[in-house]
Amino acid sequence: MKELVKAVEEVRKERVKGASWAMRRLAEAVISDAESGRITCNDAQRVGSSIINANRVMGSLWNLASFIAKGCSSGKTIEWGARMLLWYSSHCRELMAANLAGVLDPGSTVFTLSYSSAVELVLSLNQDRIPRVYVSMSYPGGEGIEFAKSLRRMGFNVILLHDSDMYRGIRESKIVLIGADSVSLQEECVFNKLGSLQASIIARFVNRRAAVVFESYKIHPELRCDGGGLEVREERISGWGSVFYSLFDQVPFKLLDVGLTEAGIIGLDKKHLENAHNNLLSIIED
């Protein structure tokens, strides 16, 4: 598991790239190890545990481990499930392009935070409708800074905000878009970068719509919204010492209006999420 061990460490240390990148990195590592003969389906349980433990919150990693296990149980090779989820993740972009172009109303000033490739795609599909994008810096990782730079290179009119100035950006926007590292199937919440809960609360307070953008492989069938198991990281402050923070916020569905997925706009409830997840699993069960 040489490549997988390396990829797991990369995922654990990564501060900017999100759940889609983590899934792709680990899937590619599984394929590399399998092609080199270092792993087979006899190692499927160990491989799956390593993938999930790289970040236990990310639904994309739970689904990768599930695809690998289902592939092996149906007589395929260990890399078959990884290849299938990689294929679908690419196909998701085609589906989102088909179903989410024009989803925002003309003149939709947008607020967002962190760096979500799914949010980036939705913005690009609606660029002619968006006069301005407000992006929160998203400290302590600062992912929002990189996102703002990327959007500016794409030609967007971007205003980068300090996190403490989030209220102004949301008040001056028509819609708040957040990404998702995981969407709980059993319980009603979304896990995303620290600051997402604050943004959603402000959006509700100033009567702005809030939407979460995610692919169905982010749906996690077992993750609970009780605050347990969230990854805590440490930041060293000069002249003070250590400050600890949770990597993710848990955002209740009641603070979000809709979900934007490869299937289009969906309601945030168990029925819609089950349908989306069952459609995902049908790819490997067919």
C-alpha atoms as a PDB file:
ATOM      1  CA  MET A   1       0.000   0.000   0.000  1.00  0.00           C
ATOM      2  CA  LYS A   2       2.932   2.294  -0.675  1.00  0.00           C
ATOM      3  CA  GLU A   3       1.056   4.860  -2.765  1.00  0.00           C
ATOM      4  CA  LEU A   4      -2.083   4.709  -0.622  1.00  0.00           C
ATOM      5  CA  VAL A   5      -0.128   5.360   2.589  1.00  0.00           C
ATOM      6  CA  LYS A   6       1.485   8.365   0.934  1.00  0.00           C
ATOM      7  CA  ALA A   7      -1.868   9.663  -0.315  1.00  0.00           C
ATOM      8  CA  VAL A   8      -3.503   9.252   3.112  1.00  0.00           C
ATOM      9  CA  GLU A   9      -0.814  11.452   4.664  1.00  0.00           C
ATOM     10  CA  GLU A  10      -1.290  14.058   1.933  1.00  0.00           C
ATOM     11  CA  VAL A  11      -5.042  14.154   2.569  1.00  0.00           C
ATOM     12  CA  ARG A  12      -4.530  14.493   6.321  1.00  0.00           C
ATOM     13  CA  LYS A  13      -2.123  17.409   5.875  1.00  0.00           C
ATOM     14  CA  GLU A  14      -3.971  19.252   3.096  1.00  0.00           C
ATOM     15  CA  ARG A  15      -5.370  22.659   4.101  1.00  0.00           C
ATOM     16  CA  VAL A  16      -6.912  24.041   0.887  1.00  0.00           C
ATOM     17  CA  LYS A  17      -8.136  21.229  -1.366  1.00  0.00           C
ATOM     18  CA  GLY A  18     -11.428  19.598  -0.447  1.00  0.00           C
ATOM     19  CA  ALA A  19     -13.384  16.359  -0.505  1.00  0.00           C
ATOM     20  CA  SER A  20     -13.429  15.867  -4.282  1.00  0.00           C
ATOM     21  CA  TRP A  21      -9.666  16.249  -4.518  1.00  0.00           C
ATOM     22  CA  ALA A  22      -9.162  13.893  -1.546  1.00  0.00           C
ATOM     23  CA  MET A  23     -11.310  11.206  -3.155  1.00  0.00           C
ATOM     24  CA  ARG A  24      -9.494  11.476  -6.484  1.00  0.00           C
ATOM     25  CA  ARG A  25      -6.064  11.410  -4.848  1.00  0.00           C
ATOM     26  CA  LEU A  26      -6.862   8.266  -2.851  1.00  0.00           C
ATOM     27  CA  ALA A  27      -8.591   6.536  -5.778  1.00  0.00           C
ATOM     28  CA  GLU A  28      -5.565   7.137  -7.988  1.00  0.00           C
ATOM     29  CA  ALA A  29      -3.317   5.729  -5.243  1.00  0.00           C
ATOM     30  CA  VAL A  30      -5.443   2.568  -5.021  1.00  0.00           C
ATOM     31  CA  ILE A  31      -5.196   2.121  -8.793  1.00  0.00           C
ATOM     32  CA  SER A  32      -1.426   2.617  -8.707  1.00  0.00           C
ATOM     33  CA  ASP A  33      -0.935   0.098  -5.893  1.00  0.00           C
ATOM     34  CA  ALA A  34      -3.227  -2.407  -7.601  1.00  0.00           C
ATOM     35  CA  GLU A  35      -1.470  -2.113 -10.949  1.00  0.00           C
ATOM     36  CA  SER A  36       1.867  -2.654  -9.201  1.00  0.00           C
ATOM     37  CA  GLY A  37       0.542  -5.791  -7.506  1.00  0.00           C
ATOM     38  CA  ARG A  38       0.862  -4.336  -4.012  1.00  0.00           C
ATOM     39  CA  ILE A  39      -2.843  -4.780  -3.184  1.00  0.00           C
ATOM     40  CA  THR A  40      -5.664  -7.087  -4.253  1.00  0.00           C
ATOM     41  CA  CYS A  41      -9.222  -7.677  -3.088  1.00  0.00           C
ATOM     42  CA  ASN A  42      -7.747  -9.625  -0.171  1.00  0.00           C
ATOM     43  CA  ASP A  43      -6.712  -6.201   1.149  1.00  0.00           C
ATOM     44  CA  ALA A  44     -10.078  -4.508   0.511  1.00  0.00           C
ATOM     45  CA  GLN A  45     -11.047  -4.123   4.166  1.00  0.00           C
ATOM     46  CA  ARG A  46      -7.669  -2.675   5.135  1.00  0.00           C
ATOM     47  CA  VAL A  47      -7.693  -0.357   2.118  1.00  0.00           C
ATOM     48  CA  GLY A  48     -11.215   0.844   2.912  1.00  0.00           C
ATOM     49  CA  SER A  49     -10.341   1.567   6.541  1.00  0.00           C
ATOM     50  CA  SER A  50      -7.253   3.547   5.500  1.00  0.00           C
ATOM     51  CA  ILE A  51      -9.313   5.616   3.069  1.00  0.00           C
ATOM     52  CA  ILE A  52     -12.050   6.438   5.590  1.00  0.00           C
ATOM     53  CA  ASN A  53      -9.556   7.218   8.361  1.00  0.00           C
ATOM     54  CA  ALA A  54      -7.797   9.778   6.154  1.00  0.00           C
ATOM     55  CA  ASN A  55     -10.734  12.052   7.017  1.00  0.00           C
ATOM     56  CA  ARG A  56     -13.728  10.446   8.698  1.00  0.00           C
ATOM     57  CA  VAL A  57     -16.080  13.340   7.926  1.00  0.00           C
ATOM     58  CA  MET A  58     -15.725  13.331   4.134  1.00  0.00           C
ATOM     59  CA  GLY A  59     -18.580  11.497   2.437  1.00  0.00           C
ATOM     60  CA  SER A  60     -16.516  11.149  -0.736  1.00  0.00           C
ATOM     61  CA  LEU A  61     -14.061   8.888   1.102  1.00  0.00           C
ATOM     62  CA  TRP A  62     -16.839   6.758   2.623  1.00  0.00           C
ATOM     63  CA  ASN A  63     -18.268   6.239  -0.858  1.00  0.00           C
ATOM     64  CA  LEU A  64     -14.861   5.436  -2.345  1.00  0.00           C
ATOM     65  CA  ALA A  65     -14.342   2.726   0.277  1.00  0.00           C
ATOM     66  CA  SER A  66     -17.876   1.456  -0.407  1.00  0.00           C
ATOM     67  CA  PHE A  67     -17.315   1.310  -4.180  1.00  0.00           C
ATOM     68  CA  ILE A  68     -14.096  -0.659  -3.670  1.00  0.00           C
ATOM     69  CA  ALA A  69     -15.792  -3.111  -1.299  1.00  0.00           C
ATOM     70  CA  LYS A  70     -18.780  -3.602  -3.618  1.00  0.00           C
ATOM     71  CA  GLY A  71     -16.504  -4.106  -6.607  1.00  0.00           C
ATOM     72  CA  CYS A  72     -14.544  -6.814  -4.832  1.00  0.00           C
ATOM     73  CA  SER A  73     -17.672  -8.544  -3.504  1.00  0.00           C
ATOM     74  CA  SER A  74     -19.032  -8.743  -7.061  1.00  0.00           C
ATOM     75  CA  GLY A  75     -15.875 -10.433  -8.359  1.00  0.00           C
ATOM     76  CA  LYS A  76     -14.141  -7.388  -9.820  1.00  0.00           C
ATOM     77  CA  THR A  77     -10.584  -6.221  -9.082  1.00  0.00           C
ATOM     78  CA  ILE A  78      -9.824  -3.884  -6.189  1.00  0.00           C
ATOM     79  CA  GLU A  79      -9.165  -0.934  -8.479  1.00  0.00           C
ATOM     80  CA  TRP A  80     -12.443  -1.372 -10.401  1.00  0.00           C
ATOM     81  CA  GLY A  81     -14.542   0.468  -7.815  1.00  0.00           C
ATOM     82  CA  ALA A  82     -11.986   3.278  -7.632  1.00  0.00           C
ATOM     83  CA  ARG A  83     -12.084   3.675 -11.408  1.00  0.00           C
ATOM     84  CA  MET A  84     -15.877   3.736 -11.385  1.00  0.00           C
ATOM     85  CA  LEU A  85     -16.076   6.539  -8.819  1.00  0.00           C
ATOM     86  CA  LEU A  86     -13.376   8.505 -10.642  1.00  0.00           C
ATOM     87  CA  TRP A  87     -15.385   8.174 -13.834  1.00  0.00           C
ATOM     88  CA  TYR A  88     -18.551   9.318 -12.113  1.00  0.00           C
ATOM     89  CA  SER A  89     -16.853  12.300 -10.497  1.00  0.00           C
ATOM     90  CA  SER A  90     -15.872  13.473 -13.981  1.00  0.00           C
ATOM     91  CA  HIS A  91     -19.349  12.708 -15.307  1.00  0.00           C
ATOM     92  CA  CYS A  92     -20.797  14.821 -12.489  1.00  0.00           C
ATOM     93  CA  ARG A  93     -19.259  17.926 -14.002  1.00  0.00           C
ATOM     94  CA  GLU A  94     -21.019  17.200 -17.307  1.00  0.00           C
ATOM     95  CA  LEU A  95     -24.327  16.655 -15.513  1.00  0.00           C
ATOM     96  CA  MET A  96     -23.933  19.812 -13.432  1.00  0.00           C
ATOM     97  CA  ALA A  97     -23.125  21.776 -16.580  1.00  0.00           C
ATOM     98  CA  ALA A  98     -26.320  20.476 -18.155  1.00  0.00           C
ATOM     99  CA  ASN A  99     -28.566  20.984 -15.124  1.00  0.00           C
ATOM    100  CA  LEU A 100     -27.242  24.078 -13.350  1.00  0.00           C
ATOM    101  CA  ALA A 101     -26.534  26.511 -16.181  1.00  0.00           C
ATOM    102  CA  GLY A 102     -28.852  29.497 -15.714  1.00  0.00           C
ATOM    103  CA  VAL A 103     -29.915  28.334 -12.245  1.00  0.00           C
ATOM    104  CA  LEU A 104     -29.115  31.751 -10.738  1.00  0.00           C
ATOM    105  CA  ASP A 105     -31.345  34.720 -11.485  1.00  0.00           C
ATOM    106  CA  PRO A 106     -29.823  37.590 -13.495  1.00  0.00           C
ATOM    107  CA  GLY A 107     -28.129  40.080 -11.193  1.00  0.00           C
ATOM    108  CA  SER A 108     -27.417  37.463  -8.528  1.00  0.00           C
ATOM    109  CA  THR A 109     -24.624  38.907  -6.448  1.00  0.00           C
ATOM    110  CA  VAL A 110     -23.106  35.934  -4.617  1.00  0.00           C
ATOM    111  CA  PHE A 111     -21.384  35.410  -1.274  1.00  0.00           C
ATOM    112  CA  THR A 112     -19.224  32.348  -0.693  1.00  0.00           C
ATOM    113  CA  LEU A 113     -16.301  31.134   1.389  1.00  0.00           C
ATOM    114  CA  SER A 114     -13.489  28.584   1.370  1.00  0.00           C
ATOM    115  CA  TYR A 115     -12.627  26.895  -1.951  1.00  0.00           C
ATOM    116  CA  SER A 116     -15.237  24.574  -3.394  1.00  0.00           C
ATOM    117  CA  SER A 117     -14.729  23.173  -6.881  1.00  0.00           C
ATOM    118  CA  ALA A 118     -18.504  22.537  -7.060  1.00  0.00           C
ATOM    119  CA  VAL A 119     -19.292  26.163  -6.204  1.00  0.00           C
ATOM    120  CA  GLU A 120     -16.651  27.268  -8.707  1.00  0.00           C
ATOM    121  CA  LEU A 121     -18.370  25.231 -11.417  1.00  0.00           C
ATOM    122  CA  VAL A 122     -21.818  26.671 -10.638  1.00  0.00           C
ATOM    123  CA  LEU A 123     -20.415  30.198 -10.712  1.00  0.00           C
ATOM    124  CA  SER A 124     -18.720  29.577 -14.062  1.00  0.00           C
ATOM    125  CA  LEU A 125     -21.979  28.223 -15.520  1.00  0.00           C
ATOM    126  CA  ASN A 126     -23.794  31.411 -14.488  1.00  0.00           C
ATOM    127  CA  GLN A 127     -21.032  33.975 -14.964  1.00  0.00           C
ATOM    128  CA  ASP A 128     -23.037  36.283 -17.224  1.00  0.00           C
ATOM    129  CA  ARG A 129     -25.721  36.536 -14.506  1.00  0.00           C
ATOM    130  CA  ILE A 130     -23.352  37.430 -11.643  1.00  0.00           C
ATOM    131  CA  PRO A 131     -22.273  41.082 -11.330  1.00  0.00           C
ATOM    132  CA  ARG A 132     -20.170  40.495  -8.215  1.00  0.00           C
ATOM    133  CA  VAL A 133     -18.862  37.733  -5.953  1.00  0.00           C
ATOM    134  CA  TYR A 134     -17.971  38.330  -2.310  1.00  0.00           C
ATOM    135  CA  VAL A 135     -15.489  35.789  -0.930  1.00  0.00           C
ATOM    136  CA  SER A 136     -14.564  35.439   2.736  1.00  0.00           C
ATOM    137  CA  MET A 137     -10.845  34.786   3.347  1.00  0.00           C
ATOM    138  CA  SER A 138     -11.651  31.630   5.350  1.00  0.00           C
ATOM    139  CA  TYR A 139      -8.937  31.679   7.951  1.00  0.00           C
ATOM    140  CA  PRO A 140      -7.096  29.941   9.495  1.00  0.00           C
ATOM    141  CA  GLY A 141      -6.506  28.033   6.246  1.00  0.00           C
ATOM    142  CA  GLY A 142      -7.080  31.037   3.990  1.00  0.00           C
ATOM    143  CA  GLU A 143      -8.712  28.927   1.277  1.00  0.00           C
ATOM    144  CA  GLY A 144     -10.995  31.794   0.339  1.00  0.00           C
ATOM    145  CA  ILE A 145      -8.007  33.878  -0.747  1.00  0.00           C
ATOM    146  CA  GLU A 146      -7.018  31.234  -3.294  1.00  0.00           C
ATOM    147  CA  PHE A 147     -10.625  30.939  -4.448  1.00  0.00           C
ATOM    148  CA  ALA A 148     -10.905  34.704  -4.939  1.00  0.00           C
ATOM    149  CA  LYS A 149      -7.713  34.686  -7.026  1.00  0.00           C
ATOM    150  CA  SER A 150      -9.045  31.841  -9.164  1.00  0.00           C
ATOM    151  CA  LEU A 151     -12.370  33.606  -9.748  1.00  0.00           C
ATOM    152  CA  ARG A 152     -10.614  36.850 -10.668  1.00  0.00           C
ATOM    153  CA  ARG A 153      -8.500  34.988 -13.233  1.00  0.00           C
ATOM    154  CA  MET A 154     -11.772  33.668 -14.689  1.00  0.00           C
ATOM    155  CA  GLY A 155     -12.984  37.243 -15.151  1.00  0.00           C
ATOM    156  CA  PHE A 156     -15.313  37.634 -12.177  1.00  0.00           C
ATOM    157  CA  ASN A 157     -15.689  40.913 -10.311  1.00  0.00           C
ATOM    158  CA  VAL A 158     -14.502  39.672  -6.893  1.00  0.00           C
ATOM    159  CA  ILE A 159     -14.424  41.401  -3.517  1.00  0.00           C
ATOM    160  CA  LEU A 160     -12.311  39.619  -0.926  1.00  0.00           C
ATOM    161  CA  LEU A 161     -13.518  40.102   2.652  1.00  0.00           C
ATOM    162  CA  HIS A 162     -12.017  39.544   6.053  1.00  0.00           C
ATOM    163  CA  ASP A 163     -13.988  36.855   7.853  1.00  0.00           C
ATOM    164  CA  SER A 164     -15.091  39.419  10.441  1.00  0.00           C
ATOM    165  CA  ASP A 165     -16.722  41.433   7.603  1.00  0.00           C
ATOM    166  CA  MET A 166     -18.849  38.508   6.451  1.00  0.00           C
ATOM    167  CA  TYR A 167     -22.081  40.255   7.411  1.00  0.00           C
ATOM    168  CA  ARG A 168     -21.514  43.062   4.888  1.00  0.00           C
ATOM    169  CA  GLY A 169     -20.877  40.676   2.018  1.00  0.00           C
ATOM    170  CA  ILE A 170     -23.965  38.587   2.757  1.00  0.00           C
ATOM    171  CA  ARG A 171     -26.176  41.642   3.253  1.00  0.00           C
ATOM    172  CA  GLU A 172     -25.091  42.982  -0.159  1.00  0.00           C
ATOM    173  CA  SER A 173     -25.604  39.628  -1.902  1.00  0.00           C
ATOM    174  CA  LYS A 174     -28.739  37.914  -3.174  1.00  0.00           C
ATOM    175  CA  ILE A 175     -27.612  34.361  -2.472  1.00  0.00           C
ATOM    176  CA  VAL A 176     -25.083  32.528  -0.312  1.00  0.00           C
ATOM    177  CA  LEU A 177     -23.424  29.461  -1.843  1.00  0.00           C
ATOM    178  CA  ILE A 178     -21.483  27.002   0.293  1.00  0.00           C
ATOM    179  CA  GLY A 179     -19.820  23.750  -0.668  1.00  0.00           C
ATOM    180  CA  ALA A 180     -19.973  20.495   1.257  1.00  0.00           C
ATOM    181  CA  ASP A 181     -17.367  18.046   2.438  1.00  0.00           C
ATOM    182  CA  SER A 182     -20.181  15.782   3.557  1.00  0.00           C
ATOM    183  CA  VAL A 183     -23.977  15.681   3.636  1.00  0.00           C
ATOM    184  CA  SER A 184     -25.516  13.526   6.344  1.00  0.00           C
ATOM    185  CA  LEU A 185     -28.121  11.093   5.016  1.00  0.00           C
ATOM    186  CA  GLN A 186     -29.384   9.973   8.421  1.00  0.00           C
ATOM    187  CA  GLU A 187     -29.466  13.384  10.059  1.00  0.00           C
ATOM    188  CA  GLU A 188     -30.186  16.811   8.691  1.00  0.00           C
ATOM    189  CA  CYS A 189     -26.921  18.695   8.373  1.00  0.00           C
ATOM    190  CA  VAL A 190     -24.092  19.613   6.022  1.00  0.00           C
ATOM    191  CA  PHE A 191     -20.412  19.508   6.998  1.00  0.00           C
ATOM    192  CA  ASN A 192     -18.309  22.256   5.460  1.00  0.00           C
ATOM    193  CA  LYS A 193     -15.418  24.591   6.194  1.00  0.00           C
ATOM    194  CA  LEU A 194     -15.454  26.510   9.471  1.00  0.00           C
ATOM    195  CA  GLY A 195     -17.447  29.708   8.915  1.00  0.00           C
ATOM    196  CA  SER A 196     -20.221  28.031   6.925  1.00  0.00           C
ATOM    197  CA  LEU A 197     -22.565  27.962   9.932  1.00  0.00           C
ATOM    198  CA  GLN A 198     -21.975  31.644  10.614  1.00  0.00           C
ATOM    199  CA  ALA A 199     -22.644  32.513   6.971  1.00  0.00           C
ATOM    200  CA  SER A 200     -25.870  30.495   6.954  1.00  0.00           C
ATOM    201  CA  ILE A 201     -27.122  32.101  10.166  1.00  0.00           C
ATOM    202  CA  ILE A 202     -26.421  35.581   8.815  1.00  0.00           C
ATOM    203  CA  ALA A 203     -28.156  34.714   5.541  1.00  0.00           C
ATOM    204  CA  ARG A 204     -31.286  33.691   7.443  1.00  0.00           C
ATOM    205  CA  PHE A 205     -31.083  36.821   9.628  1.00  0.00           C
ATOM    206  CA  VAL A 206     -30.935  39.217   6.642  1.00  0.00           C
ATOM    207  CA  ASN A 207     -33.402  37.164   4.565  1.00  0.00           C
ATOM    208  CA  ARG A 208     -31.001  35.939   1.871  1.00  0.00           C
ATOM    209  CA  ARG A 209     -31.288  32.585   0.137  1.00  0.00           C
ATOM    210  CA  ALA A 210     -28.642  30.003   1.001  1.00  0.00           C
ATOM    211  CA  ALA A 211     -27.809  26.959  -1.101  1.00  0.00           C
ATOM    212  CA  VAL A 212     -25.354  24.110  -0.657  1.00  0.00           C
ATOM    213  CA  VAL A 213     -23.586  22.809  -3.767  1.00  0.00           C
ATOM    214  CA  PHE A 214     -22.488  19.166  -3.747  1.00  0.00           C
ATOM    215  CA  GLU A 215     -22.163  16.021  -5.816  1.00  0.00           C
ATOM    216  CA  SER A 216     -24.049  12.913  -4.711  1.00  0.00           C
ATOM    217  CA  TYR A 217     -20.803  11.147  -3.775  1.00  0.00           C
ATOM    218  CA  LYS A 218     -20.541  13.623  -0.881  1.00  0.00           C
ATOM    219  CA  ILE A 219     -23.621  12.042   0.758  1.00  0.00           C
ATOM    220  CA  HIS A 220     -22.578  10.068   3.856  1.00  0.00           C
ATOM    221  CA  PRO A 221     -25.047   7.353   4.984  1.00  0.00           C
ATOM    222  CA  GLU A 222     -23.653   6.996   8.526  1.00  0.00           C
ATOM    223  CA  LEU A 223     -22.323  10.387   9.611  1.00  0.00           C
ATOM    224  CA  ARG A 224     -24.100  11.924  12.589  1.00  0.00           C
ATOM    225  CA  CYS A 225     -24.649  15.598  13.330  1.00  0.00           C
ATOM    226  CA  ASP A 226     -23.989  15.417  17.054  1.00  0.00           C
ATOM    227  CA  GLY A 227     -20.632  17.195  17.010  1.00  0.00           C
ATOM    228  CA  GLY A 228     -18.648  14.063  17.778  1.00  0.00           C
ATOM    229  CA  GLY A 229     -15.596  13.036  15.804  1.00  0.00           C
ATOM    230  CA  LEU A 230     -14.921  16.408  14.198  1.00  0.00           C
ATOM    231  CA  GLU A 231     -11.277  16.926  13.352  1.00  0.00           C
ATOM    232  CA  VAL A 232      -9.565  19.506  15.539  1.00  0.00           C
ATOM    233  CA  ARG A 233      -6.445  21.305  14.348  1.00  0.00           C
ATOM    234  CA  GLU A 234      -3.899  23.470  16.083  1.00  0.00           C
ATOM    235  CA  GLU A 235      -2.589  26.890  15.138  1.00  0.00           C
ATOM    236  CA  ARG A 236       0.385  28.439  16.881  1.00  0.00           C
ATOM    237  CA  ILE A 237       0.003  32.136  17.740  1.00  0.00           C
ATOM    238  CA  SER A 238       3.193  34.093  18.344  1.00  0.00           C
ATOM    239  CA  GLY A 239       3.300  35.430  21.894  1.00  0.00           C
ATOM    240  CA  TRP A 240       0.357  33.299  22.964  1.00  0.00           C
ATOM    241  CA  GLY A 241       0.687  29.626  22.155  1.00  0.00           C
ATOM    242  CA  SER A 242      -1.763  27.125  20.711  1.00  0.00           C
ATOM    243  CA  VAL A 243      -5.265  27.838  19.497  1.00  0.00           C
ATOM    244  CA  PHE A 244      -7.431  24.852  18.586  1.00  0.00           C
ATOM    245  CA  TYR A 245     -10.278  24.896  16.068  1.00  0.00           C
ATOM    246  CA  SER A 246     -12.639  22.484  14.344  1.00  0.00           C
ATOM    247  CA  LEU A 247     -11.971  21.966  10.673  1.00  0.00           C
ATOM    248  CA  PHE A 248     -15.683  21.727   9.834  1.00  0.00           C
ATOM    249  CA  ASP A 249     -18.935  23.422  10.729  1.00  0.00           C
ATOM    250  CA  GLN A 250     -22.183  21.494  10.927  1.00  0.00           C
ATOM    251  CA  VAL A 251     -24.921  23.445   9.154  1.00  0.00           C
ATOM    252  CA  PRO A 252     -28.532  22.314   9.815  1.00  0.00           C
ATOM    253  CA  PHE A 253     -30.706  21.905   6.744  1.00  0.00           C
ATOM    254  CA  LYS A 254     -33.199  24.368   8.256  1.00  0.00           C
ATOM    255  CA  LEU A 255     -30.674  27.155   7.579  1.00  0.00           C
ATOM    256  CA  LEU A 256     -30.356  26.178   3.898  1.00  0.00           C
ATOM    257  CA  ASP A 257     -32.973  26.580   1.195  1.00  0.00           C
ATOM    258  CA  VAL A 258     -31.947  24.090  -1.494  1.00  0.00           C
ATOM    259  CA  GLY A 259     -29.227  21.771  -2.689  1.00  0.00           C
ATOM    260  CA  LEU A 260     -27.573  22.175  -6.086  1.00  0.00           C
ATOM    261  CA  THR A 261     -26.379  18.794  -7.380  1.00  0.00           C
ATOM    262  CA  GLU A 262     -25.620  17.003 -10.635  1.00  0.00           C
ATOM    263  CA  ALA A 263     -29.355  16.201 -10.773  1.00  0.00           C
ATOM    264  CA  GLY A 264     -30.223  19.905 -10.566  1.00  0.00           C
ATOM    265  CA  ILE A 265     -32.007  21.606  -7.682  1.00  0.00           C
ATOM    266  CA  ILE A 266     -33.131  19.203  -4.951  1.00  0.00           C
ATOM    267  CA  GLY A 267     -34.854  19.550  -1.612  1.00  0.00           C
ATOM    268  CA  LEU A 268     -32.761  19.017   1.499  1.00  0.00           C
ATOM    269  CA  ASP A 269     -34.610  16.139   3.105  1.00  0.00           C
ATOM    270  CA  LYS A 270     -34.027  12.445   3.628  1.00  0.00           C
ATOM    271  CA  LYS A 271     -36.206  11.343   0.689  1.00  0.00           C
ATOM    272  CA  HIS A 272     -34.353  13.431  -1.884  1.00  0.00           C
ATOM    273  CA  LEU A 273     -30.954  12.514  -0.464  1.00  0.00           C
ATOM    274  CA  GLU A 274     -31.788   8.794  -0.420  1.00  0.00           C
ATOM    275  CA  ASN A 275     -32.832   8.976  -4.069  1.00  0.00           C
ATOM    276  CA  ALA A 276     -29.589  10.745  -4.970  1.00  0.00           C
ATOM    277  CA  HIS A 277     -27.455   8.247  -3.047  1.00  0.00           C
ATOM    278  CA  ASN A 278     -29.316   5.240  -4.454  1.00  0.00           C
ATOM    279  CA  ASN A 279     -28.722   6.583  -7.963  1.00  0.00           C
ATOM    280  CA  LEU A 280     -25.028   6.819  -7.132  1.00  0.00           C
ATOM    281  CA  LEU A 281     -24.868   3.234  -5.830  1.00  0.00           C
ATOM    282  CA  SER A 282     -26.725   1.942  -8.885  1.00  0.00           C
ATOM    283  CA  ILE A 283     -23.651   2.766 -10.964  1.00  0.00           C
ATOM    284  CA  ILE A 284     -21.653  -0.001  -9.332  1.00  0.00           C
ATOM    285  CA  GLU A 285     -24.581  -2.385  -8.833  1.00  0.00           C
ATOM    286  CA  ASP A 286     -25.566  -2.470 -12.520  1.00  0.00           C
END
